[in-house]
Amino acid sequence: MRDLSFIAFLIAFFVMGFKRPFLLVLVYVYIDIVSPQRLTYLLLNTVPISLIAVALAVGGWTLADDKRDTRVGARQVLIVLLMLYCWATTLGADFPVEAKEKWDWVWKTLIFAAFLPLTLRTRLRIESLLLFMILSASSIIIVGGIKTVASGGGGYGQLNLMVDNNSGLYEGSTISAVAVAIIPIIVWFATYGTIFKPDWRVKGFCLALVFACLLIPVGTSTRTGLVCIVLLALLSVRAVKRKALYLAAVTALGLAAVPFLPSAFTDRMNTIKTYDADESASTRLAVWQWTIEYAKTHPFGGGFEAYRGNHIRLDLKSEGPGTGPRVETDKARAFHSAYFEMLGEQGYFGLALWLSINVIGIFRMELLRRRHADPAGEFAWAGPLAGALQTAQIIYLFGAAFVGIAFQPFVYMLIGAQIGLDTYLARKRGEQTFRPMHRVLPSR
C-alpha cells in the first residue's frame, strides 16, 4: 500500500510538472532528499526515478522556461570546474571501482547545483525551492523527533529514521547537522513566507519543527549536532536586540534541559572531554594525520574513496582507575571530515575549489544581508533570507569538520538557492537602474 501511495504521489507531481515545468525541479528535490525508492519494498526500487526527474527538469527548462536575462554566477562556474576535476581524479583513482560508484552520484549533485540557479527567476520560485527542501527534510526530522520523545532517544547509530540504510540524510551526524542548519530558514518562513501566509498555524508548525530539529541531535546522540546547536545560538545573537538577555535565556534553557536528556546522549557528550580515551575520536585524529601525510605525496588527491588505503595506529589513554593505556591498529577508516575528505580525495586544488565555493557564498550573503537590511524597503524579505542562508552554510561548514559530507546534495541545493537569490536581486537592481534612465531619454 505504501508503494502505491508513493507512486500515485509521484505520478501526480510529474503530470503537474508538464504544465508547470518548474515543478519538475521540485520533484527532483523531493526525490533526492527523501529517497522514496529506499522507502518502498518493490515497485520504485527498480526504476531510476532520480535520473528521470532530473532529465525532465532540465528538459522542461530547456524547452519551456523563460530564459530572458539569464545570469550565470561565478560559483556556478566553480561548481562545474570542481565536477570536471573530480572526473579527472576518478580516472586515476587509487580504488577505481569504488571511486566510480561515488562518482555516479556526485556528478549529478554538482551538475544539478550548477543548473538550479538558472530556474530561480522569481521570489516565488526561490521560496518554493526552500519550502520543498525543508518539508522534504522534515519528513525525516519529524519522525526522528517523535521517536526521540517516545523512546527517550535511540542512541548513536540506533535511531531508526524510516530506513535501516545509514547513509545520506538518514545518517545520524548528517541529519543532525542539516536539521540545525535549516532552523534559521524555518524561522524566516514563519515571518516572511508568502506561499503559506505566516498566521498562527504556520508559526505553530514552524515552532514545532524547530523543536523537532533540536531533538534530532538528542535522538541520534551525535556530538556534531551538539556543537552545531551551540554555534547556532551564538550566530543568532546578531539578530536580537537585547543580546545579554538572549544569551542568559539560552544558557538558562540549556541548563534546565539537562535533567531531561537521555543518558545515552549525556554519556556520549561527555566523551568530548575525554577524546584521547575515546576510540571514535582518536580514530578520527589518526585518520586526519594520515590524510595530511598522504596529501604530501599525492598533492592532487587519490580520487574518491582514497581513505580505503589508510593504515592507522591508535594510542588510547587510560579510561579510568585499574586500566592502562591501549594500543590498537586499524585500516580503511573513513575521513569523518569534509575538509580531509576533499584533501585526501581531490588534493589541494580540489580542497581550494570546494572552500572557494563555500566561502564566497558566506561573503555574498553578508553583502546581500547588509544591502537589504531596511525593513521598509521593497526587498525587506531578502536581507533576512540571505542571513538565514548564510547561517545555514556556516553551521554546515562547522559540522562538516566532523562528518564526511563534502558532496551532500542537500547542501548543494542550499548553495544553488544562494546563487539564485544573488542573481535574482542583481537582475532586479539592473531593472531599477534602467527604468529611471529610460524615463529621461527623449523620444524620437
Protein backbone atom coordinates (compact mmCIF):
# COMPACT_ATOMS: atom_id res chain seq x y z
CA MET A 1 0.00 0.00 0.00
CA ARG A 2 2.84 2.38 0.83
CA ASP A 3 4.44 1.66 -2.56
CA LEU A 4 1.20 2.55 -4.35
CA SER A 5 0.87 5.78 -2.35
CA PHE A 6 4.38 6.91 -3.32
CA ILE A 7 3.79 6.02 -6.97
CA ALA A 8 0.44 7.88 -7.09
CA PHE A 9 2.02 10.94 -5.47
CA LEU A 10 4.96 10.98 -7.88
CA ILE A 11 2.81 10.42 -10.96
CA ALA A 12 0.52 13.30 -9.96
CA PHE A 13 3.55 15.50 -9.38
CA PHE A 14 5.10 14.61 -12.73
CA VAL A 15 1.80 15.31 -14.52
CA MET A 16 1.55 18.77 -12.94
CA GLY A 17 5.15 19.37 -13.97
CA PHE A 18 4.28 19.05 -17.65
CA LYS A 19 2.04 22.10 -17.23
CA ARG A 20 4.42 23.99 -14.92
CA PRO A 21 7.99 22.86 -15.78
CA PHE A 22 9.50 24.32 -12.59
CA LEU A 23 7.54 21.72 -10.61
CA LEU A 24 9.76 19.08 -12.19
CA VAL A 25 12.71 20.71 -10.44
CA LEU A 26 10.86 20.38 -7.15
CA VAL A 27 10.06 16.73 -7.92
CA TYR A 28 13.78 16.02 -8.22
CA VAL A 29 14.46 17.92 -4.98
CA TYR A 30 11.91 15.75 -3.17
CA ILE A 31 13.26 12.51 -4.64
CA ASP A 32 16.89 13.39 -3.92
CA ILE A 33 16.23 14.31 -0.29
CA VAL A 34 13.60 11.76 0.78
CA SER A 35 14.74 8.90 -1.50
CA PRO A 36 11.27 7.30 -1.77
CA GLN A 37 12.81 4.40 -3.68
CA ARG A 38 14.53 3.42 -0.41
CA LEU A 39 11.23 3.57 1.49
CA THR A 40 9.36 1.20 -0.78
CA TYR A 41 9.54 -2.57 -0.96
CA LEU A 42 9.38 -3.40 -4.68
CA LEU A 43 7.97 -1.06 -7.27
CA LEU A 44 10.18 2.06 -7.12
CA ASN A 45 13.37 0.11 -6.38
CA THR A 46 13.71 -0.97 -10.00
CA VAL A 47 13.00 2.41 -11.63
CA PRO A 48 15.70 5.16 -11.88
CA ILE A 49 13.24 7.84 -10.77
CA SER A 50 16.02 10.24 -9.75
CA LEU A 51 17.57 10.19 -13.22
CA ILE A 52 14.12 10.50 -14.84
CA ALA A 53 13.26 13.50 -12.65
CA VAL A 54 16.47 15.41 -13.34
CA ALA A 55 16.21 14.70 -17.08
CA LEU A 56 12.64 16.03 -17.15
CA ALA A 57 13.62 19.07 -15.03
CA VAL A 58 16.45 20.05 -17.38
CA GLY A 59 14.33 19.25 -20.44
CA GLY A 60 11.40 21.29 -19.15
CA TRP A 61 13.61 24.30 -18.51
CA THR A 62 15.30 23.98 -21.91
CA LEU A 63 12.06 23.72 -23.88
CA ALA A 64 9.52 25.79 -21.98
CA ASP A 65 11.06 28.11 -19.39
CA ASP A 66 11.71 31.83 -19.74
CA LYS A 67 15.42 32.45 -20.27
CA ARG A 68 15.45 36.21 -20.69
CA ASP A 69 18.33 37.88 -18.87
CA THR A 70 19.64 34.52 -17.66
CA ARG A 71 22.67 35.10 -15.44
CA VAL A 72 25.43 32.65 -14.62
CA GLY A 73 27.16 33.22 -11.29
CA ALA A 74 30.86 32.74 -10.67
CA ARG A 75 30.15 29.94 -8.23
CA GLN A 76 28.25 28.02 -10.88
CA VAL A 77 31.43 28.04 -12.97
CA LEU A 78 33.43 26.86 -9.94
CA ILE A 79 30.96 24.03 -9.33
CA VAL A 80 31.32 22.83 -12.92
CA LEU A 81 35.10 23.13 -12.63
CA LEU A 82 35.00 21.04 -9.43
CA MET A 83 32.93 18.41 -11.22
CA LEU A 84 35.44 18.21 -14.09
CA TYR A 85 38.33 17.95 -11.64
CA CYS A 86 36.57 15.16 -9.75
CA TRP A 87 36.06 13.37 -13.08
CA ALA A 88 39.81 13.60 -13.74
CA THR A 89 40.74 12.25 -10.30
CA THR A 90 38.22 9.43 -10.74
CA LEU A 91 40.01 8.31 -13.89
CA GLY A 92 43.22 7.87 -11.91
CA ALA A 93 41.73 6.86 -8.55
CA ASP A 94 43.55 4.54 -6.15
CA PHE A 95 40.39 2.43 -5.94
CA PRO A 96 38.75 2.79 -9.38
CA VAL A 97 35.73 0.53 -8.80
CA GLU A 98 34.73 2.17 -5.52
CA ALA A 99 35.52 5.65 -6.90
CA LYS A 100 33.22 5.05 -9.86
CA GLU A 101 30.34 4.23 -7.50
CA LYS A 102 30.71 7.56 -5.69
CA TRP A 103 31.25 9.47 -8.93
CA ASP A 104 27.93 8.15 -10.24
CA TRP A 105 26.01 10.31 -7.76
CA VAL A 106 28.48 13.14 -7.15
CA TRP A 107 28.42 14.40 -10.74
CA LYS A 108 24.61 14.59 -10.66
CA THR A 109 24.76 16.53 -7.40
CA LEU A 110 27.20 19.08 -8.82
CA ILE A 111 25.50 19.45 -12.21
CA PHE A 112 22.11 20.00 -10.58
CA ALA A 113 23.62 22.58 -8.20
CA ALA A 114 25.04 24.49 -11.19
CA PHE A 115 21.75 24.18 -13.11
CA LEU A 116 19.38 25.05 -10.24
CA PRO A 117 20.00 28.85 -10.10
CA LEU A 118 19.04 29.16 -13.79
CA THR A 119 15.47 28.20 -12.83
CA LEU A 120 15.17 30.58 -9.84
CA ARG A 121 13.93 33.68 -11.68
CA THR A 122 11.33 34.84 -9.13
CA ARG A 123 10.87 35.13 -5.40
CA LEU A 124 8.10 32.54 -5.62
CA ARG A 125 10.48 30.00 -7.12
CA ILE A 126 13.18 30.69 -4.54
CA GLU A 127 10.65 30.25 -1.75
CA SER A 128 9.21 27.12 -3.36
CA LEU A 129 12.64 25.51 -3.57
CA LEU A 130 13.46 26.24 0.07
CA LEU A 131 9.99 25.19 1.20
CA PHE A 132 10.27 21.85 -0.60
CA MET A 133 13.75 21.30 0.83
CA ILE A 134 12.54 21.96 4.38
CA LEU A 135 9.37 19.91 4.08
CA SER A 136 11.24 17.02 2.46
CA ALA A 137 13.85 17.05 5.22
CA SER A 138 11.11 17.43 7.83
CA SER A 139 9.63 14.09 6.77
CA ILE A 140 12.79 12.59 8.27
CA ILE A 141 13.20 15.08 11.10
CA ILE A 142 9.64 14.80 12.44
CA VAL A 143 9.87 11.01 12.53
CA GLY A 144 13.15 11.26 14.44
CA GLY A 145 11.72 13.85 16.83
CA ILE A 146 8.64 11.75 17.62
CA LYS A 147 10.75 8.63 18.22
CA THR A 148 13.10 10.63 20.47
CA VAL A 149 10.24 11.87 22.62
CA ALA A 150 8.52 8.48 22.68
CA SER A 151 11.56 6.36 23.48
CA GLY A 152 13.97 8.82 25.06
CA GLY A 153 16.37 8.69 22.10
CA GLY A 154 17.75 5.84 20.13
CA GLY A 155 21.43 6.42 20.82
CA TYR A 156 24.31 6.86 18.42
CA GLY A 157 23.64 4.93 15.21
CA GLN A 158 20.49 3.40 16.74
CA LEU A 159 17.66 5.85 15.96
CA ASN A 160 15.71 4.39 13.02
CA LEU A 161 14.79 7.22 10.64
CA MET A 162 12.39 5.19 8.46
CA VAL A 163 15.17 3.16 6.78
CA ASP A 164 17.90 0.85 8.03
CA ASN A 165 20.41 2.14 5.47
CA ASN A 166 22.59 4.57 7.45
CA SER A 167 23.51 6.87 4.55
CA GLY A 168 22.57 10.24 3.05
CA LEU A 169 20.29 12.32 5.23
CA TYR A 170 19.34 9.16 7.10
CA GLU A 171 22.81 9.06 8.70
CA GLY A 172 22.75 10.40 12.27
CA SER A 173 25.51 13.02 12.16
CA THR A 174 24.44 14.26 8.72
CA ILE A 175 20.77 14.77 9.60
CA SER A 176 21.83 16.39 12.89
CA ALA A 177 23.95 19.00 11.09
CA VAL A 178 21.29 19.61 8.43
CA ALA A 179 18.44 19.80 10.96
CA VAL A 180 20.20 22.51 12.96
CA ALA A 181 21.35 24.35 9.82
CA ILE A 182 17.83 24.79 8.43
CA ILE A 183 16.40 26.28 11.65
CA PRO A 184 17.14 29.90 10.56
CA ILE A 185 15.32 29.26 7.25
CA ILE A 186 12.32 27.80 9.10
CA VAL A 187 12.23 30.93 11.27
CA TRP A 188 12.36 33.07 8.10
CA PHE A 189 9.28 31.30 6.71
CA ALA A 190 7.46 31.99 9.98
CA THR A 191 7.95 35.72 9.37
CA TYR A 192 8.32 36.41 5.64
CA GLY A 193 6.82 33.41 3.84
CA THR A 194 4.24 34.11 1.12
CA ILE A 195 3.30 30.62 -0.11
CA PHE A 196 1.76 29.90 3.28
CA LYS A 197 0.93 33.16 4.99
CA PRO A 198 2.60 33.23 8.43
CA ASP A 199 -0.58 33.03 10.52
CA TRP A 200 -0.82 31.23 13.85
CA ARG A 201 -0.99 27.82 12.17
CA VAL A 202 2.15 28.33 10.12
CA LYS A 203 4.02 29.82 13.05
CA GLY A 204 2.89 26.96 15.26
CA PHE A 205 4.11 24.38 12.76
CA CYS A 206 7.44 26.21 12.35
CA LEU A 207 7.92 26.32 16.11
CA ALA A 208 7.16 22.61 16.42
CA LEU A 209 9.51 21.83 13.53
CA VAL A 210 12.31 23.83 15.15
CA PHE A 211 11.78 21.80 18.31
CA ALA A 212 11.95 18.58 16.29
CA CYS A 213 15.19 19.80 14.67
CA LEU A 214 16.71 20.35 18.12
CA LEU A 215 15.60 16.87 19.17
CA ILE A 216 17.46 15.16 16.31
CA PRO A 217 20.95 15.53 17.87
CA VAL A 218 19.48 14.19 21.12
CA GLY A 219 17.86 11.19 19.49
CA THR A 220 20.93 10.36 17.41
CA SER A 221 23.36 11.17 20.28
CA THR A 222 25.72 12.91 17.89
CA ARG A 223 28.40 15.27 19.13
CA THR A 224 28.25 17.06 15.77
CA GLY A 225 24.66 18.07 16.44
CA LEU A 226 25.52 19.47 19.88
CA VAL A 227 28.31 21.73 18.61
CA CYS A 228 26.05 22.88 15.76
CA ILE A 229 23.35 23.89 18.28
CA VAL A 230 25.91 25.88 20.28
CA LEU A 231 27.11 27.61 17.11
CA LEU A 232 23.52 28.42 16.08
CA ALA A 233 22.89 30.02 19.46
CA LEU A 234 25.98 32.19 19.07
CA LEU A 235 25.23 33.20 15.48
CA SER A 236 21.67 34.15 16.42
CA VAL A 237 22.97 36.86 18.74
CA ARG A 238 23.32 39.33 15.86
CA ALA A 239 19.59 39.10 15.08
CA VAL A 240 18.37 40.06 18.56
CA LYS A 241 18.33 43.49 20.16
CA ARG A 242 18.88 42.53 23.80
CA LYS A 243 21.91 40.31 23.37
CA ALA A 244 22.76 39.88 27.04
CA LEU A 245 19.17 38.87 27.88
CA TYR A 246 19.14 36.46 24.95
CA LEU A 247 22.39 34.76 25.99
CA ALA A 248 21.17 34.48 29.58
CA ALA A 249 17.86 32.96 28.44
CA VAL A 250 19.59 30.45 26.13
CA THR A 251 22.01 29.44 28.88
CA ALA A 252 19.19 29.00 31.42
CA LEU A 253 17.14 26.99 28.93
CA GLY A 254 20.10 24.73 28.16
CA LEU A 255 20.79 24.09 31.84
CA ALA A 256 17.11 23.42 32.52
CA ALA A 257 17.01 20.85 29.70
CA VAL A 258 19.97 18.80 31.02
CA PRO A 259 17.99 16.75 33.60
CA PHE A 260 15.54 15.67 30.88
CA LEU A 261 18.19 14.47 28.43
CA PRO A 262 18.53 10.68 27.98
CA SER A 263 21.62 9.06 29.49
CA ALA A 264 22.72 7.78 26.06
CA PHE A 265 23.05 11.39 24.93
CA THR A 266 24.82 12.77 28.01
CA ASP A 267 27.23 9.83 28.19
CA ARG A 268 28.28 10.36 24.59
CA MET A 269 28.62 14.14 25.01
CA ASN A 270 30.93 13.53 27.97
CA THR A 271 33.39 11.82 25.62
CA ILE A 272 34.16 15.27 24.15
CA LYS A 273 36.20 15.95 27.29
CA THR A 274 37.99 12.60 27.08
CA TYR A 275 38.60 12.37 23.34
CA ASP A 276 42.07 10.87 23.85
CA ALA A 277 40.49 7.85 25.56
CA ASP A 278 37.57 7.55 23.15
CA GLU A 279 38.26 5.21 20.26
CA SER A 280 35.95 7.01 17.82
CA ALA A 281 37.54 10.43 18.39
CA SER A 282 41.07 9.05 18.44
CA THR A 283 40.43 7.21 15.18
CA ARG A 284 39.38 10.46 13.50
CA LEU A 285 42.52 12.25 14.67
CA ALA A 286 44.68 9.39 13.41
CA VAL A 287 42.92 9.36 10.02
CA TRP A 288 43.31 13.13 9.68
CA GLN A 289 47.02 12.86 10.41
CA TRP A 290 47.32 10.07 7.82
CA THR A 291 45.49 12.25 5.27
CA ILE A 292 47.90 15.14 5.80
CA GLU A 293 50.86 12.86 5.18
CA TYR A 294 49.11 11.24 2.22
CA ALA A 295 48.50 14.62 0.56
CA LYS A 296 52.21 15.42 0.73
CA THR A 297 52.92 12.56 -1.69
CA HIS A 298 49.58 12.81 -3.55
CA PRO A 299 49.01 16.58 -3.93
CA PHE A 300 46.23 16.04 -6.49
CA GLY A 301 44.42 13.50 -4.31
CA GLY A 302 43.77 9.81 -4.66
CA GLY A 303 40.26 10.01 -6.08
CA PHE A 304 37.02 9.07 -4.37
CA GLU A 305 37.25 6.51 -1.55
CA ALA A 306 41.01 7.10 -1.15
CA TYR A 307 40.64 6.52 2.59
CA ARG A 308 40.50 2.77 1.88
CA GLY A 309 44.28 2.81 1.68
CA ASN A 310 44.92 4.11 5.18
CA HIS A 311 46.57 2.15 8.00
CA ILE A 312 46.48 3.85 11.38
CA ARG A 313 47.75 3.29 14.92
CA LEU A 314 45.72 4.37 17.94
CA ASP A 315 47.39 5.23 21.25
CA LEU A 316 44.48 5.37 23.69
CA LYS A 317 44.90 6.74 27.19
CA SER A 318 43.56 5.10 30.32
CA GLU A 319 39.78 5.25 30.69
CA GLY A 320 39.88 5.16 34.46
CA PRO A 321 41.41 3.53 37.56
CA GLY A 322 42.62 -0.01 37.03
CA THR A 323 43.03 0.39 33.26
CA GLY A 324 46.18 1.26 31.39
CA PRO A 325 46.85 2.82 28.00
CA ARG A 326 45.91 0.78 24.95
CA VAL A 327 47.46 0.49 21.51
CA GLU A 328 45.24 -0.55 18.62
CA THR A 329 45.58 -0.61 14.85
CA ASP A 330 43.00 -0.15 12.15
CA LYS A 331 42.72 0.41 8.41
CA ALA A 332 40.36 1.72 5.73
CA ARG A 333 38.68 4.13 8.15
CA ALA A 334 36.58 6.92 6.62
CA PHE A 335 37.75 10.54 6.74
CA HIS A 336 34.94 11.73 9.09
CA SER A 337 35.54 15.29 7.92
CA ALA A 338 34.57 17.06 4.73
CA TYR A 339 37.84 19.02 4.78
CA PHE A 340 40.01 15.93 4.97
CA GLU A 341 37.67 14.15 2.56
CA MET A 342 38.41 16.82 -0.02
CA LEU A 343 42.13 16.89 0.77
CA GLY A 344 42.53 13.11 0.55
CA GLU A 345 40.29 12.55 -2.47
CA GLN A 346 40.79 15.72 -4.51
CA GLY A 347 44.08 17.10 -3.22
CA TYR A 348 44.98 20.70 -2.55
CA PHE A 349 43.36 22.06 -5.72
CA GLY A 350 40.07 20.27 -5.09
CA LEU A 351 40.02 21.45 -1.48
CA ALA A 352 40.69 25.02 -2.64
CA LEU A 353 37.81 24.85 -5.13
CA TRP A 354 35.42 23.46 -2.52
CA LEU A 355 36.42 26.09 0.05
CA SER A 356 36.04 28.86 -2.55
CA ILE A 357 32.50 27.76 -3.40
CA ASN A 358 31.51 27.86 0.27
CA VAL A 359 33.44 30.91 1.48
CA ILE A 360 32.32 33.07 -1.45
CA GLY A 361 28.75 32.18 -0.50
CA ILE A 362 29.26 33.43 3.05
CA PHE A 363 30.61 36.79 1.82
CA ARG A 364 27.92 37.20 -0.86
CA MET A 365 25.13 36.51 1.63
CA GLU A 366 26.66 39.01 4.06
CA LEU A 367 26.70 41.62 1.30
CA LEU A 368 23.03 40.96 0.48
CA ARG A 369 22.10 40.92 4.15
CA ARG A 370 23.52 44.39 4.65
CA ARG A 371 22.31 45.79 1.33
CA HIS A 372 18.72 44.81 2.08
CA ALA A 373 18.67 45.50 5.81
CA ASP A 374 16.00 48.21 5.53
CA PRO A 375 12.79 46.72 6.99
CA ALA A 376 10.70 49.17 4.95
CA GLY A 377 12.43 48.53 1.63
CA GLU A 378 10.99 46.72 -1.39
CA PHE A 379 13.22 43.73 -0.69
CA ALA A 380 12.94 43.73 3.09
CA TRP A 381 12.49 39.96 2.92
CA ALA A 382 15.76 39.41 1.04
CA GLY A 383 18.17 40.58 3.75
CA PRO A 384 16.86 38.21 6.43
CA LEU A 385 16.76 35.35 3.90
CA ALA A 386 20.38 36.00 2.94
CA GLY A 387 21.26 35.98 6.64
CA ALA A 388 19.41 32.69 7.17
CA LEU A 389 21.16 31.07 4.19
CA GLN A 390 24.50 32.37 5.43
CA THR A 391 23.93 31.00 8.94
CA ALA A 392 22.88 27.64 7.47
CA GLN A 393 26.09 27.46 5.46
CA ILE A 394 28.31 28.42 8.40
CA ILE A 395 26.69 25.71 10.52
CA TYR A 396 27.21 23.22 7.71
CA LEU A 397 30.89 24.14 7.38
CA PHE A 398 31.34 23.79 11.13
CA GLY A 399 29.52 20.46 11.30
CA ALA A 400 31.36 19.26 8.19
CA ALA A 401 34.59 19.36 10.19
CA PHE A 402 33.40 16.16 11.87
CA VAL A 403 31.37 14.47 9.10
CA GLY A 404 32.37 13.48 5.56
CA ILE A 405 29.64 15.47 3.78
CA ALA A 406 31.63 17.46 1.24
CA PHE A 407 29.23 16.38 -1.53
CA GLN A 408 25.97 16.22 0.45
CA PRO A 409 23.24 17.04 -2.15
CA PHE A 410 21.08 18.97 0.33
CA VAL A 411 23.88 21.45 0.95
CA TYR A 412 24.47 21.99 -2.76
CA MET A 413 20.78 22.78 -3.12
CA LEU A 414 21.24 25.44 -0.42
CA ILE A 415 24.19 26.80 -2.40
CA GLY A 416 22.00 26.80 -5.52
CA ALA A 417 19.37 28.79 -3.60
CA GLN A 418 22.04 31.29 -2.54
CA ILE A 419 23.20 31.77 -6.12
CA GLY A 420 19.59 32.05 -7.30
CA LEU A 421 18.83 34.73 -4.70
CA ASP A 422 22.00 36.61 -5.63
CA THR A 423 21.32 36.60 -9.38
CA TYR A 424 17.62 37.44 -8.87
CA LEU A 425 18.44 40.51 -6.78
CA ALA A 426 21.15 41.54 -9.25
CA ARG A 427 18.60 41.40 -12.07
CA LYS A 428 16.13 43.46 -10.04
CA ARG A 429 18.79 46.08 -9.33
CA GLY A 430 19.52 46.23 -13.04
CA GLU A 431 15.83 46.78 -13.82
CA GLN A 432 15.57 49.57 -11.24
CA THR A 433 18.64 51.27 -12.70
CA PHE A 434 17.28 51.01 -16.25
CA ARG A 435 13.82 52.43 -15.51
CA PRO A 436 14.91 55.92 -14.34
CA MET A 437 17.33 56.19 -17.28
CA HIS A 438 14.53 55.16 -19.69
CA ARG A 439 12.25 57.89 -18.37
CA VAL A 440 14.73 60.73 -19.05
CA LEU A 441 15.66 59.63 -22.57
CA PRO A 442 13.96 61.80 -25.20
CA SER A 443 11.52 60.09 -27.51
CA ARG A 444 12.21 60.04 -31.23
